[in-house]
Protein backbone atom coordinates (compact mmCIF):
# COMPACT_ATOMS: atom_id res chain seq x y z
CA MET A 1 -3.78 2.73 -6.82
CA ILE A 2 -0.67 1.14 -5.75
CA ALA A 3 1.89 -0.71 -7.71
CA LEU A 4 3.56 -3.49 -5.72
CA THR A 5 6.50 -6.25 -7.26
CA ILE A 6 5.24 -9.53 -5.93
CA ASN A 7 8.20 -12.32 -6.44
CA GLY A 8 9.23 -10.48 -9.22
CA GLU A 9 6.14 -9.69 -11.06
CA ARG A 10 4.36 -6.12 -10.99
CA ARG A 11 0.79 -5.80 -9.90
CA SER A 12 -1.51 -3.12 -9.26
CA PHE A 13 -4.35 -2.91 -6.55
CA GLU A 14 -6.40 -0.25 -4.98
CA ALA A 15 -5.34 1.55 -1.92
CA PRO A 16 -5.01 1.56 1.18
CA LEU A 17 -4.15 -2.18 1.46
CA THR A 18 -2.52 -4.15 4.39
CA VAL A 19 -0.47 -7.09 4.18
CA ALA A 20 -3.43 -9.18 5.12
CA ASP A 21 -6.04 -7.42 2.43
CA LEU A 22 -3.47 -8.59 0.03
CA ILE A 23 -2.78 -12.07 1.08
CA ASP A 24 -6.89 -12.41 0.98
CA ARG A 25 -6.92 -10.69 -2.40
CA LEU A 26 -4.35 -13.57 -3.56
CA GLN A 27 -6.35 -16.25 -2.27
CA LEU A 28 -3.36 -17.40 0.19
CA ALA A 29 -5.57 -16.61 3.65
CA ASP A 30 -5.65 -20.40 4.43
CA LYS A 31 -2.27 -21.25 3.23
CA ARG A 32 1.08 -21.31 5.43
CA LEU A 33 3.56 -18.46 4.13
CA ALA A 34 6.36 -16.11 4.83
CA LEU A 35 6.39 -12.99 3.45
CA GLU A 36 9.27 -10.37 3.19
CA ARG A 37 8.55 -6.82 2.44
CA ASN A 38 11.31 -4.63 1.08
CA GLY A 39 14.07 -7.14 2.38
CA GLN A 40 12.44 -7.52 5.93
CA ILE A 41 10.61 -10.11 7.07
CA VAL A 42 6.88 -9.31 8.12
CA PRO A 43 5.45 -11.02 11.47
CA ARG A 44 2.26 -12.83 10.75
CA GLY A 45 1.01 -10.86 13.76
CA THR A 46 1.33 -7.48 12.17
CA TYR A 47 -0.33 -8.49 8.96
CA LEU A 48 -3.64 -6.61 9.85
CA HIS A 49 -2.39 -3.62 10.82
CA GLU A 50 0.86 -3.38 8.14
CA ARG A 51 -0.11 -1.01 5.18
CA LEU A 52 1.69 -1.54 1.98
CA ALA A 53 3.17 1.37 -0.01
CA ASP A 54 3.33 2.32 -3.53
CA GLY A 55 6.49 0.74 -4.97
CA ASP A 56 6.99 -2.11 -2.14
CA ARG A 57 8.82 -5.26 -3.24
CA LEU A 58 7.37 -8.54 -1.94
CA GLU A 59 8.51 -12.14 -1.76
CA ILE A 60 5.99 -14.66 -0.54
CA VAL A 61 6.77 -18.09 -0.03
CA VAL A 62 3.92 -20.71 0.60
CA ALA A 63 5.02 -23.89 2.54
CA VAL A 64 4.21 -26.95 0.80
CA GLY A 65 4.02 -30.45 2.95
CA GLY A 66 5.01 -33.69 1.47
CA GLY A 67 7.64 -36.17 1.88
């Protein structure tokens, strides 16, 4: 198990876990989003290979359309 802080909320997940796995588990796979890990933006092209570690702090922002 690894513990992550996501948007200020502590959550636990089975390890190993990539960014892509996390996005899928959070049901955000088909959303337009930006993800920051420990203060650094994670490029979308690295989601499949970017492994998350115990204690990582994530901020996930989902784009919302409208006018």
